[in-house]
Amino acid sequence: MHVLFIVLNKTEYLDDILTEFVNIGVKGATILDSQGMASALVNNNDKVPIFGSLRSFLDSSRPFNKTIFTLVETDELLDEAMNSVNRLVGGFNHKGLGIMFSIPVGKICGVPKQ
């Protein structure tokens, strides 16, 4: 079992990703409103010494993002989910899109066995 994390800066892809998860058999996901560290520093903290040019570079029209995480039961479903997300967003190599990664789960409580 794995947990798949997606930090999605371009939130316009959110509905398509969730729909695809349903289509391939991902049984649920949690979506959090989130914010990157650079955005938080630029927008919320005038005490941090950031040069003006760097501040304007970091300042973006999308200060917030979505973090999706989901438990995935098999390696095959994990590969299918990650490939589907990559296909939908055009790959995570595009600057500013976000990041996707998985972590193996050792023990879990609160999820009924199938």
PDB file of N, CA and C in Angstrom:
ATOM      1  N   MET A   1       0.849  -1.176   0.000  1.00  0.00           N
ATOM      2  CA  MET A   1       0.000   0.000   0.000  1.00  0.00           C
ATOM      3  C   MET A   1       0.892   1.236   0.000  1.00  0.00           C
ATOM      4  N   HIS A   2       0.435   2.272  -0.692  1.00  0.00           N
ATOM      5  CA  HIS A   2       1.164   3.530  -0.805  1.00  0.00           C
ATOM      6  C   HIS A   2       0.207   4.686  -0.533  1.00  0.00           C
ATOM      7  N   VAL A   3       0.778   5.823  -0.169  1.00  0.00           N
ATOM      8  CA  VAL A   3       0.007   7.058  -0.181  1.00  0.00           C
ATOM      9  C   VAL A   3       0.585   7.903  -1.312  1.00  0.00           C
ATOM     10  N   LEU A   4      -0.290   8.386  -2.165  1.00  0.00           N
ATOM     11  CA  LEU A   4       0.083   9.226  -3.296  1.00  0.00           C
ATOM     12  C   LEU A   4      -0.245  10.665  -2.938  1.00  0.00           C
ATOM     13  N   PHE A   5       0.755  11.535  -3.046  1.00  0.00           N
ATOM     14  CA  PHE A   5       0.591  12.963  -2.783  1.00  0.00           C
ATOM     15  C   PHE A   5       0.714  13.731  -4.089  1.00  0.00           C
ATOM     16  N   ILE A   6      -0.172  14.692  -4.275  1.00  0.00           N
ATOM     17  CA  ILE A   6      -0.091  15.609  -5.412  1.00  0.00           C
ATOM     18  C   ILE A   6      -0.278  17.012  -4.864  1.00  0.00           C
ATOM     19  N   VAL A   7       0.737  17.849  -5.012  1.00  0.00           N
ATOM     20  CA  VAL A   7       0.604  19.268  -4.694  1.00  0.00           C
ATOM     21  C   VAL A   7       0.383  19.952  -6.036  1.00  0.00           C
ATOM     22  N   LEU A   8      -0.815  20.455  -6.235  1.00  0.00           N
ATOM     23  CA  LEU A   8      -1.260  20.940  -7.535  1.00  0.00           C
ATOM     24  C   LEU A   8      -1.377  22.458  -7.516  1.00  0.00           C
ATOM     25  N   ASN A   9      -0.434  23.120  -8.170  1.00  0.00           N
ATOM     26  CA  ASN A   9      -0.479  24.580  -8.244  1.00  0.00           C
ATOM     27  C   ASN A   9      -1.526  25.057  -9.243  1.00  0.00           C
ATOM     28  N   LYS A  10      -1.712  24.324 -10.311  1.00  0.00           N
ATOM     29  CA  LYS A  10      -2.713  24.687 -11.321  1.00  0.00           C
ATOM     30  C   LYS A  10      -4.000  23.931 -11.001  1.00  0.00           C
ATOM     31  N   THR A  11      -4.799  24.561 -10.164  1.00  0.00           N
ATOM     32  CA  THR A  11      -5.979  23.886  -9.607  1.00  0.00           C
ATOM     33  C   THR A  11      -7.068  23.621 -10.642  1.00  0.00           C
ATOM     34  N   GLU A  12      -6.941  24.168 -11.831  1.00  0.00           N
ATOM     35  CA  GLU A  12      -7.932  23.895 -12.870  1.00  0.00           C
ATOM     36  C   GLU A  12      -7.924  22.420 -13.290  1.00  0.00           C
ATOM     37  N   TYR A  13      -6.889  21.675 -12.937  1.00  0.00           N
ATOM     38  CA  TYR A  13      -6.831  20.242 -13.237  1.00  0.00           C
ATOM     39  C   TYR A  13      -7.498  19.373 -12.170  1.00  0.00           C
ATOM     40  N   LEU A  14      -7.904  19.952 -11.059  1.00  0.00           N
ATOM     41  CA  LEU A  14      -8.390  19.172  -9.921  1.00  0.00           C
ATOM     42  C   LEU A  14      -9.563  18.258 -10.279  1.00  0.00           C
ATOM     43  N   ASP A  15     -10.604  18.788 -10.889  1.00  0.00           N
ATOM     44  CA  ASP A  15     -11.789  17.977 -11.201  1.00  0.00           C
ATOM     45  C   ASP A  15     -11.459  16.832 -12.151  1.00  0.00           C
ATOM     46  N   ASP A  16     -10.614  17.095 -13.148  1.00  0.00           N
ATOM     47  CA  ASP A  16     -10.232  16.040 -14.092  1.00  0.00           C
ATOM     48  C   ASP A  16      -9.461  14.926 -13.393  1.00  0.00           C
ATOM     49  N   ILE A  17      -8.574  15.293 -12.477  1.00  0.00           N
ATOM     50  CA  ILE A  17      -7.800  14.290 -11.737  1.00  0.00           C
ATOM     51  C   ILE A  17      -8.726  13.434 -10.882  1.00  0.00           C
ATOM     52  N   LEU A  18      -9.629  14.063 -10.156  1.00  0.00           N
ATOM     53  CA  LEU A  18     -10.538  13.308  -9.291  1.00  0.00           C
ATOM     54  C   LEU A  18     -11.461  12.403 -10.103  1.00  0.00           C
ATOM     55  N   THR A  19     -11.942  12.888 -11.236  1.00  0.00           N
ATOM     56  CA  THR A  19     -12.783  12.067 -12.114  1.00  0.00           C
ATOM     57  C   THR A  19     -12.012  10.856 -12.618  1.00  0.00           C
ATOM     58  N   GLU A  20     -10.770  11.077 -13.004  1.00  0.00           N
ATOM     59  CA  GLU A  20      -9.941   9.962 -13.478  1.00  0.00           C
ATOM     60  C   GLU A  20      -9.673   8.958 -12.364  1.00  0.00           C
ATOM     61  N   PHE A  21      -9.459   9.439 -11.152  1.00  0.00           N
ATOM     62  CA  PHE A  21      -9.281   8.528 -10.019  1.00  0.00           C
ATOM     63  C   PHE A  21     -10.494   7.609  -9.870  1.00  0.00           C
ATOM     64  N   VAL A  22     -11.687   8.165  -9.958  1.00  0.00           N
ATOM     65  CA  VAL A  22     -12.905   7.348  -9.868  1.00  0.00           C
ATOM     66  C   VAL A  22     -12.933   6.325 -11.002  1.00  0.00           C
ATOM     67  N   ASN A  23     -12.584   6.759 -12.210  1.00  0.00           N
ATOM     68  CA  ASN A  23     -12.631   5.880 -13.382  1.00  0.00           C
ATOM     69  C   ASN A  23     -11.668   4.702 -13.282  1.00  0.00           C
ATOM     70  N   ILE A  24     -10.513   4.889 -12.642  1.00  0.00           N
ATOM     71  CA  ILE A  24      -9.515   3.811 -12.588  1.00  0.00           C
ATOM     72  C   ILE A  24      -9.604   2.987 -11.309  1.00  0.00           C
ATOM     73  N   GLY A  25     -10.470   3.386 -10.372  1.00  0.00           N
ATOM     74  CA  GLY A  25     -10.675   2.580  -9.179  1.00  0.00           C
ATOM     75  C   GLY A  25     -10.016   3.084  -7.912  1.00  0.00           C
ATOM     76  N   VAL A  26      -9.520   4.308  -7.914  1.00  0.00           N
ATOM     77  CA  VAL A  26      -9.035   4.904  -6.667  1.00  0.00           C
ATOM     78  C   VAL A  26     -10.273   5.219  -5.841  1.00  0.00           C
ATOM     79  N   LYS A  27     -10.310   4.717  -4.614  1.00  0.00           N
ATOM     80  CA  LYS A  27     -11.561   4.713  -3.850  1.00  0.00           C
ATOM     81  C   LYS A  27     -11.844   5.980  -3.062  1.00  0.00           C
ATOM     82  N   GLY A  28     -10.914   6.865  -2.935  1.00  0.00           N
ATOM     83  CA  GLY A  28     -11.152   8.091  -2.190  1.00  0.00           C
ATOM     84  C   GLY A  28      -9.885   8.924  -2.135  1.00  0.00           C
ATOM     85  N   ALA A  29     -10.039  10.166  -1.802  1.00  0.00           N
ATOM     86  CA  ALA A  29      -8.894  11.068  -1.680  1.00  0.00           C
ATOM     87  C   ALA A  29      -9.283  12.194  -0.735  1.00  0.00           C
ATOM     88  N   THR A  30      -8.288  12.805  -0.165  1.00  0.00           N
ATOM     89  CA  THR A  30      -8.482  13.991   0.664  1.00  0.00           C
ATOM     90  C   THR A  30      -7.843  15.161  -0.060  1.00  0.00           C
ATOM     91  N   ILE A  31      -8.547  16.282  -0.108  1.00  0.00           N
ATOM     92  CA  ILE A  31      -8.056  17.483  -0.782  1.00  0.00           C
ATOM     93  C   ILE A  31      -7.942  18.591   0.248  1.00  0.00           C
ATOM     94  N   LEU A  32      -6.757  19.162   0.347  1.00  0.00           N
ATOM     95  CA  LEU A  32      -6.502  20.251   1.288  1.00  0.00           C
ATOM     96  C   LEU A  32      -6.157  21.523   0.539  1.00  0.00           C
ATOM     97  N   ASP A  33      -6.635  22.663   1.037  1.00  0.00           N
ATOM     98  CA  ASP A  33      -6.130  23.942   0.561  1.00  0.00           C
ATOM     99  C   ASP A  33      -4.740  24.104   1.153  1.00  0.00           C
ATOM    100  N   SER A  34      -3.773  24.506   0.331  1.00  0.00           N
ATOM    101  CA  SER A  34      -2.401  24.605   0.809  1.00  0.00           C
ATOM    102  C   SER A  34      -1.711  25.810   0.181  1.00  0.00           C
ATOM    103  N   GLN A  35      -0.526  26.100   0.708  1.00  0.00           N
ATOM    104  CA  GLN A  35       0.245  27.245   0.244  1.00  0.00           C
ATOM    105  C   GLN A  35       1.718  26.898   0.362  1.00  0.00           C
ATOM    106  N   GLY A  36       2.487  27.218  -0.660  1.00  0.00           N
ATOM    107  CA  GLY A  36       3.920  26.972  -0.629  1.00  0.00           C
ATOM    108  C   GLY A  36       4.635  27.960   0.275  1.00  0.00           C
ATOM    109  N   MET A  37       5.824  27.566   0.725  1.00  0.00           N
ATOM    110  CA  MET A  37       6.588  28.394   1.651  1.00  0.00           C
ATOM    111  C   MET A  37       6.946  29.750   1.042  1.00  0.00           C
ATOM    112  N   ALA A  38       7.397  29.762  -0.207  1.00  0.00           N
ATOM    113  CA  ALA A  38       7.782  31.027  -0.838  1.00  0.00           C
ATOM    114  C   ALA A  38       6.593  31.978  -0.914  1.00  0.00           C
ATOM    115  N   SER A  39       5.443  31.456  -1.292  1.00  0.00           N
ATOM    116  CA  SER A  39       4.238  32.278  -1.365  1.00  0.00           C
ATOM    117  C   SER A  39       3.866  32.830   0.003  1.00  0.00           C
ATOM    118  N   ALA A  40       3.970  32.000   1.026  1.00  0.00           N
ATOM    119  CA  ALA A  40       3.642  32.452   2.383  1.00  0.00           C
ATOM    120  C   ALA A  40       4.595  33.547   2.836  1.00  0.00           C
ATOM    121  N   LEU A  41       5.872  33.387   2.544  1.00  0.00           N
ATOM    122  CA  LEU A  41       6.848  34.406   2.942  1.00  0.00           C
ATOM    123  C   LEU A  41       6.607  35.724   2.227  1.00  0.00           C
ATOM    124  N   VAL A  42       6.332  35.644   0.940  1.00  0.00           N
ATOM    125  CA  VAL A  42       6.133  36.860   0.151  1.00  0.00           C
ATOM    126  C   VAL A  42       4.849  37.571   0.547  1.00  0.00           C
ATOM    127  N   ASN A  43       3.786  36.816   0.732  1.00  0.00           N
ATOM    128  CA  ASN A  43       2.473  37.426   0.936  1.00  0.00           C
ATOM    129  C   ASN A  43       2.119  37.714   2.384  1.00  0.00           C
ATOM    130  N   ASN A  44       2.775  37.073   3.333  1.00  0.00           N
ATOM    131  CA  ASN A  44       2.332  37.179   4.717  1.00  0.00           C
ATOM    132  C   ASN A  44       3.366  37.696   5.691  1.00  0.00           C
ATOM    133  N   ASN A  45       4.571  37.959   5.235  1.00  0.00           N
ATOM    134  CA  ASN A  45       5.609  38.285   6.197  1.00  0.00           C
ATOM    135  C   ASN A  45       6.542  39.356   5.642  1.00  0.00           C
ATOM    136  N   ASP A  46       6.292  40.597   6.003  1.00  0.00           N
ATOM    137  CA  ASP A  46       7.146  41.690   5.550  1.00  0.00           C
ATOM    138  C   ASP A  46       8.455  41.756   6.322  1.00  0.00           C
ATOM    139  N   LYS A  47       8.589  40.979   7.390  1.00  0.00           N
ATOM    140  CA  LYS A  47       9.803  41.002   8.200  1.00  0.00           C
ATOM    141  C   LYS A  47      10.920  40.145   7.619  1.00  0.00           C
ATOM    142  N   VAL A  48      10.577  39.258   6.672  1.00  0.00           N
ATOM    143  CA  VAL A  48      11.599  38.414   6.064  1.00  0.00           C
ATOM    144  C   VAL A  48      12.347  39.243   5.031  1.00  0.00           C
ATOM    145  N   PRO A  49      13.690  39.303   5.130  1.00  0.00           N
ATOM    146  CA  PRO A  49      14.468  40.144   4.216  1.00  0.00           C
ATOM    147  C   PRO A  49      14.585  39.516   2.825  1.00  0.00           C
ATOM    148  N   ILE A  50      13.627  39.819   1.971  1.00  0.00           N
ATOM    149  CA  ILE A  50      13.666  39.349   0.589  1.00  0.00           C
ATOM    150  C   ILE A  50      13.858  40.578  -0.292  1.00  0.00           C
ATOM    151  N   PHE A  51      14.846  40.519  -1.192  1.00  0.00           N
ATOM    152  CA  PHE A  51      15.091  41.635  -2.103  1.00  0.00           C
ATOM    153  C   PHE A  51      13.851  41.879  -2.957  1.00  0.00           C
ATOM    154  N   GLY A  52      13.629  43.136  -3.308  1.00  0.00           N
ATOM    155  CA  GLY A  52      12.432  43.510  -4.061  1.00  0.00           C
ATOM    156  C   GLY A  52      12.259  42.730  -5.343  1.00  0.00           C
ATOM    157  N   SER A  53      13.348  42.532  -6.100  1.00  0.00           N
ATOM    158  CA  SER A  53      13.239  41.799  -7.358  1.00  0.00           C
ATOM    159  C   SER A  53      12.888  40.339  -7.114  1.00  0.00           C
ATOM    160  N   LEU A  54      13.447  39.768  -6.039  1.00  0.00           N
ATOM    161  CA  LEU A  54      13.122  38.388  -5.706  1.00  0.00           C
ATOM    162  C   LEU A  54      11.674  38.292  -5.239  1.00  0.00           C
ATOM    163  N   ARG A  55      11.229  39.262  -4.449  1.00  0.00           N
ATOM    164  CA  ARG A  55       9.843  39.270  -3.977  1.00  0.00           C
ATOM    165  C   ARG A  55       8.876  39.323  -5.164  1.00  0.00           C
ATOM    166  N   SER A  56       9.165  40.164  -6.151  1.00  0.00           N
ATOM    167  CA  SER A  56       8.265  40.258  -7.303  1.00  0.00           C
ATOM    168  C   SER A  56       8.332  38.996  -8.160  1.00  0.00           C
ATOM    169  N   PHE A  57       9.499  38.338  -8.187  1.00  0.00           N
ATOM    170  CA  PHE A  57       9.622  37.084  -8.924  1.00  0.00           C
ATOM    171  C   PHE A  57       8.790  35.988  -8.265  1.00  0.00           C
ATOM    172  N   LEU A  58       8.825  35.922  -6.937  1.00  0.00           N
ATOM    173  CA  LEU A  58       8.096  34.892  -6.207  1.00  0.00           C
ATOM    174  C   LEU A  58       6.605  35.173  -6.137  1.00  0.00           C
ATOM    175  N   ASP A  59       6.232  36.446  -6.203  1.00  0.00           N
ATOM    176  CA  ASP A  59       4.820  36.808  -6.129  1.00  0.00           C
ATOM    177  C   ASP A  59       4.119  36.289  -7.379  1.00  0.00           C
ATOM    178  N   SER A  60       3.085  35.504  -7.205  1.00  0.00           N
ATOM    179  CA  SER A  60       2.383  34.959  -8.358  1.00  0.00           C
ATOM    180  C   SER A  60       0.892  35.216  -8.224  1.00  0.00           C
ATOM    181  N   SER A  61       0.204  35.019  -9.334  1.00  0.00           N
ATOM    182  CA  SER A  61      -1.247  35.187  -9.311  1.00  0.00           C
ATOM    183  C   SER A  61      -1.929  33.981  -8.671  1.00  0.00           C
ATOM    184  N   ARG A  62      -1.158  32.921  -8.393  1.00  0.00           N
ATOM    185  CA  ARG A  62      -1.719  31.730  -7.745  1.00  0.00           C
ATOM    186  C   ARG A  62      -0.995  31.473  -6.428  1.00  0.00           C
ATOM    187  N   PRO A  63      -1.328  32.221  -5.389  1.00  0.00           N
ATOM    188  CA  PRO A  63      -0.611  32.029  -4.126  1.00  0.00           C
ATOM    189  C   PRO A  63      -1.003  30.750  -3.400  1.00  0.00           C
ATOM    190  N   PHE A  64      -2.102  30.139  -3.781  1.00  0.00           N
ATOM    191  CA  PHE A  64      -2.574  28.943  -3.088  1.00  0.00           C
ATOM    192  C   PHE A  64      -2.630  27.768  -4.051  1.00  0.00           C
ATOM    193  N   ASN A  65      -2.598  26.569  -3.502  1.00  0.00           N
ATOM    194  CA  ASN A  65      -2.677  25.365  -4.312  1.00  0.00           C
ATOM    195  C   ASN A  65      -3.552  24.343  -3.597  1.00  0.00           C
ATOM    196  N   LYS A  66      -3.662  23.186  -4.176  1.00  0.00           N
ATOM    197  CA  LYS A  66      -4.408  22.078  -3.581  1.00  0.00           C
ATOM    198  C   LYS A  66      -3.440  20.924  -3.361  1.00  0.00           C
ATOM    199  N   THR A  67      -3.559  20.283  -2.215  1.00  0.00           N
ATOM    200  CA  THR A  67      -2.804  19.068  -1.953  1.00  0.00           C
ATOM    201  C   THR A  67      -3.798  17.917  -1.882  1.00  0.00           C
ATOM    202  N   ILE A  68      -3.588  16.943  -2.751  1.00  0.00           N
ATOM    203  CA  ILE A  68      -4.434  15.753  -2.819  1.00  0.00           C
ATOM    204  C   ILE A  68      -3.611  14.601  -2.262  1.00  0.00           C
ATOM    205  N   PHE A  69      -4.201  13.814  -1.378  1.00  0.00           N
ATOM    206  CA  PHE A  69      -3.530  12.566  -1.019  1.00  0.00           C
ATOM    207  C   PHE A  69      -4.540  11.442  -0.934  1.00  0.00           C
ATOM    208  N   THR A  70      -4.071  10.260  -1.310  1.00  0.00           N
ATOM    209  CA  THR A  70      -4.943   9.096  -1.380  1.00  0.00           C
ATOM    210  C   THR A  70      -4.158   7.829  -1.095  1.00  0.00           C
ATOM    211  N   LEU A  71      -4.797   6.881  -0.432  1.00  0.00           N
ATOM    212  CA  LEU A  71      -4.212   5.559  -0.239  1.00  0.00           C
ATOM    213  C   LEU A  71      -4.461   4.730  -1.486  1.00  0.00           C
ATOM    214  N   VAL A  72      -3.413   4.096  -1.964  1.00  0.00           N
ATOM    215  CA  VAL A  72      -3.504   3.258  -3.155  1.00  0.00           C
ATOM    216  C   VAL A  72      -3.045   1.857  -2.766  1.00  0.00           C
ATOM    217  N   GLU A  73      -3.882   0.872  -3.035  1.00  0.00           N
ATOM    218  CA  GLU A  73      -3.658  -0.473  -2.500  1.00  0.00           C
ATOM    219  C   GLU A  73      -2.561  -1.268  -3.195  1.00  0.00           C
ATOM    220  N   THR A  74      -2.388  -1.103  -4.508  1.00  0.00           N
ATOM    221  CA  THR A  74      -1.429  -1.938  -5.234  1.00  0.00           C
ATOM    222  C   THR A  74      -0.439  -1.085  -6.013  1.00  0.00           C
ATOM    223  N   ASP A  75       0.701  -1.687  -6.325  1.00  0.00           N
ATOM    224  CA  ASP A  75       1.695  -1.005  -7.155  1.00  0.00           C
ATOM    225  C   ASP A  75       1.126  -0.699  -8.536  1.00  0.00           C
ATOM    226  N   GLU A  76       0.322  -1.614  -9.056  1.00  0.00           N
ATOM    227  CA  GLU A  76      -0.261  -1.430 -10.387  1.00  0.00           C
ATOM    228  C   GLU A  76      -1.206  -0.230 -10.410  1.00  0.00           C
ATOM    229  N   LEU A  77      -2.049  -0.107  -9.390  1.00  0.00           N
ATOM    230  CA  LEU A  77      -2.968   1.030  -9.333  1.00  0.00           C
ATOM    231  C   LEU A  77      -2.206   2.331  -9.106  1.00  0.00           C
ATOM    232  N   LEU A  78      -1.141   2.279  -8.323  1.00  0.00           N
ATOM    233  CA  LEU A  78      -0.303   3.466  -8.124  1.00  0.00           C
ATOM    234  C   LEU A  78       0.282   3.928  -9.451  1.00  0.00           C
ATOM    235  N   ASP A  79       0.844   2.989 -10.223  1.00  0.00           N
ATOM    236  CA  ASP A  79       1.398   3.343 -11.533  1.00  0.00           C
ATOM    237  C   ASP A  79       0.324   3.922 -12.443  1.00  0.00           C
ATOM    238  N   GLU A  80      -0.849   3.304 -12.438  1.00  0.00           N
ATOM    239  CA  GLU A  80      -1.940   3.792 -13.281  1.00  0.00           C
ATOM    240  C   GLU A  80      -2.384   5.190 -12.853  1.00  0.00           C
ATOM    241  N   ALA A  81      -2.483   5.425 -11.559  1.00  0.00           N
ATOM    242  CA  ALA A  81      -2.886   6.745 -11.063  1.00  0.00           C
ATOM    243  C   ALA A  81      -1.852   7.804 -11.436  1.00  0.00           C
ATOM    244  N   MET A  82      -0.574   7.503 -11.211  1.00  0.00           N
ATOM    245  CA  MET A  82       0.469   8.482 -11.520  1.00  0.00           C
ATOM    246  C   MET A  82       0.555   8.740 -13.022  1.00  0.00           C
ATOM    247  N   ASN A  83       0.453   7.694 -13.832  1.00  0.00           N
ATOM    248  CA  ASN A  83       0.472   7.872 -15.287  1.00  0.00           C
ATOM    249  C   ASN A  83      -0.726   8.687 -15.757  1.00  0.00           C
ATOM    250  N   SER A  84      -1.886   8.444 -15.164  1.00  0.00           N
ATOM    251  CA  SER A  84      -3.091   9.194 -15.539  1.00  0.00           C
ATOM    252  C   SER A  84      -2.945  10.676 -15.210  1.00  0.00           C
ATOM    253  N   VAL A  85      -2.441  10.973 -14.017  1.00  0.00           N
ATOM    254  CA  VAL A  85      -2.257  12.377 -13.630  1.00  0.00           C
ATOM    255  C   VAL A  85      -1.243  13.040 -14.552  1.00  0.00           C
ATOM    256  N   ASN A  86      -0.129  12.359 -14.822  1.00  0.00           N
ATOM    257  CA  ASN A  86       0.874  12.921 -15.734  1.00  0.00           C
ATOM    258  C   ASN A  86       0.276  13.216 -17.102  1.00  0.00           C
ATOM    259  N   ARG A  87      -0.540  12.294 -17.608  1.00  0.00           N
ATOM    260  CA  ARG A  87      -1.177  12.497 -18.909  1.00  0.00           C
ATOM    261  C   ARG A  87      -2.122  13.693 -18.879  1.00  0.00           C
ATOM    262  N   LEU A  88      -2.920  13.810 -17.822  1.00  0.00           N
ATOM    263  CA  LEU A  88      -3.901  14.897 -17.731  1.00  0.00           C
ATOM    264  C   LEU A  88      -3.249  16.271 -17.658  1.00  0.00           C
ATOM    265  N   VAL A  89      -2.149  16.386 -16.924  1.00  0.00           N
ATOM    266  CA  VAL A  89      -1.521  17.698 -16.718  1.00  0.00           C
ATOM    267  C   VAL A  89      -0.393  17.970 -17.704  1.00  0.00           C
ATOM    268  N   GLY A  90      -0.061  16.999 -18.532  1.00  0.00           N
ATOM    269  CA  GLY A  90       1.023  17.188 -19.483  1.00  0.00           C
ATOM    270  C   GLY A  90       2.396  16.983 -18.866  1.00  0.00           C
ATOM    271  N   GLY A  91       2.463  16.304 -17.747  1.00  0.00           N
ATOM    272  CA  GLY A  91       3.739  16.023 -17.077  1.00  0.00           C
ATOM    273  C   GLY A  91       4.086  17.087 -16.060  1.00  0.00           C
ATOM    274  N   PHE A  92       4.807  16.678 -15.044  1.00  0.00           N
ATOM    275  CA  PHE A  92       5.186  17.602 -13.975  1.00  0.00           C
ATOM    276  C   PHE A  92       6.508  18.307 -14.252  1.00  0.00           C
ATOM    277  N   ASN A  93       7.027  18.189 -15.481  1.00  0.00           N
ATOM    278  CA  ASN A  93       8.254  18.896 -15.831  1.00  0.00           C
ATOM    279  C   ASN A  93       7.999  20.365 -16.140  1.00  0.00           C
ATOM    280  N   HIS A  94       6.732  20.753 -16.278  1.00  0.00           N
ATOM    281  CA  HIS A  94       6.390  22.146 -16.559  1.00  0.00           C
ATOM    282  C   HIS A  94       6.559  22.969 -15.285  1.00  0.00           C
ATOM    283  N   LYS A  95       7.247  24.066 -15.388  1.00  0.00           N
ATOM    284  CA  LYS A  95       7.501  24.924 -14.229  1.00  0.00           C
ATOM    285  C   LYS A  95       6.188  25.422 -13.619  1.00  0.00           C
ATOM    286  N   GLY A  96       6.115  25.322 -12.302  1.00  0.00           N
ATOM    287  CA  GLY A  96       4.979  25.881 -11.587  1.00  0.00           C
ATOM    288  C   GLY A  96       3.761  24.983 -11.499  1.00  0.00           C
ATOM    289  N   LEU A  97       3.818  23.798 -12.083  1.00  0.00           N
ATOM    290  CA  LEU A  97       2.652  22.915 -12.069  1.00  0.00           C
ATOM    291  C   LEU A  97       2.429  22.284 -10.703  1.00  0.00           C
ATOM    292  N   GLY A  98       3.494  21.830 -10.079  1.00  0.00           N
ATOM    293  CA  GLY A  98       3.388  21.192  -8.776  1.00  0.00           C
ATOM    294  C   GLY A  98       4.326  20.015  -8.671  1.00  0.00           C
ATOM    295  N   ILE A  99       3.983  19.086  -7.794  1.00  0.00           N
ATOM    296  CA  ILE A  99       4.820  17.916  -7.552  1.00  0.00           C
ATOM    297  C   ILE A  99       3.918  16.734  -7.216  1.00  0.00           C
ATOM    298  N   MET A 100       4.381  15.541  -7.597  1.00  0.00           N
ATOM    299  CA  MET A 100       3.653  14.314  -7.281  1.00  0.00           C
ATOM    300  C   MET A 100       4.669  13.284  -6.802  1.00  0.00           C
ATOM    301  N   PHE A 101       4.338  12.601  -5.703  1.00  0.00           N
ATOM    302  CA  PHE A 101       5.228  11.562  -5.186  1.00  0.00           C
ATOM    303  C   PHE A 101       4.415  10.572  -4.364  1.00  0.00           C
ATOM    304  N   SER A 102       5.003   9.407  -4.143  1.00  0.00           N
ATOM    305  CA  SER A 102       4.341   8.389  -3.324  1.00  0.00           C
ATOM    306  C   SER A 102       5.278   7.942  -2.217  1.00  0.00           C
ATOM    307  N   ILE A 103       4.670   7.434  -1.149  1.00  0.00           N
ATOM    308  CA  ILE A 103       5.406   6.922   0.001  1.00  0.00           C
ATOM    309  C   ILE A 103       4.776   5.584   0.383  1.00  0.00           C
ATOM    310  N   PRO A 104       5.598   4.548   0.616  1.00  0.00           N
ATOM    311  CA  PRO A 104       5.035   3.284   1.083  1.00  0.00           C
ATOM    312  C   PRO A 104       4.424   3.440   2.476  1.00  0.00           C
ATOM    313  N   VAL A 105       3.343   2.720   2.716  1.00  0.00           N
ATOM    314  CA  VAL A 105       2.667   2.753   4.013  1.00  0.00           C
ATOM    315  C   VAL A 105       2.992   1.451   4.745  1.00  0.00           C
ATOM    316  N   GLY A 106       3.542   1.578   5.950  1.00  0.00           N
ATOM    317  CA  GLY A 106       3.881   0.398   6.736  1.00  0.00           C
ATOM    318  C   GLY A 106       2.698  -0.155   7.502  1.00  0.00           C
ATOM    319  N   LYS A 107       2.098   0.669   8.315  1.00  0.00           N
ATOM    320  CA  LYS A 107       0.954   0.255   9.127  1.00  0.00           C
ATOM    321  C   LYS A 107      -0.147   1.288   8.970  1.00  0.00           C
ATOM    322  N   ILE A 108      -1.372   0.832   9.150  1.00  0.00           N
ATOM    323  CA  ILE A 108      -2.506   1.739   8.988  1.00  0.00           C
ATOM    324  C   ILE A 108      -3.630   1.331   9.942  1.00  0.00           C
ATOM    325  N   CYS A 109      -4.314   2.303  10.458  1.00  0.00           N
ATOM    326  CA  CYS A 109      -5.489   2.087  11.311  1.00  0.00           C
ATOM    327  C   CYS A 109      -6.641   2.903  10.741  1.00  0.00           C
ATOM    328  N   GLY A 110      -7.842   2.396  10.880  1.00  0.00           N
ATOM    329  CA  GLY A 110      -9.008   3.167  10.476  1.00  0.00           C
ATOM    330  C   GLY A 110      -9.475   2.932   9.064  1.00  0.00           C
ATOM    331  N   VAL A 111      -8.833   2.037   8.343  1.00  0.00           N
ATOM    332  CA  VAL A 111      -9.272   1.709   6.989  1.00  0.00           C
ATOM    333  C   VAL A 111      -9.714   0.254   6.999  1.00  0.00           C
ATOM    334  N   PRO A 112     -10.997   0.003   6.730  1.00  0.00           N
ATOM    335  CA  PRO A 112     -11.482  -1.384   6.761  1.00  0.00           C
ATOM    336  C   PRO A 112     -10.800  -2.242   5.699  1.00  0.00           C
ATOM    337  N   LYS A 113     -10.542  -3.498   6.024  1.00  0.00           N
ATOM    338  CA  LYS A 113      -9.970  -4.429   5.046  1.00  0.00           C
ATOM    339  C   LYS A 113     -11.044  -4.806   4.040  1.00  0.00           C
ATOM    340  N   GLN A 114     -10.614  -4.933   2.806  1.00  0.00           N
ATOM    341  CA  GLN A 114     -11.540  -5.284   1.715  1.00  0.00           C
ATOM    342  C   GLN A 114     -11.772  -6.774   1.672  1.00  0.00           C
TER     343      GLN A 114
END
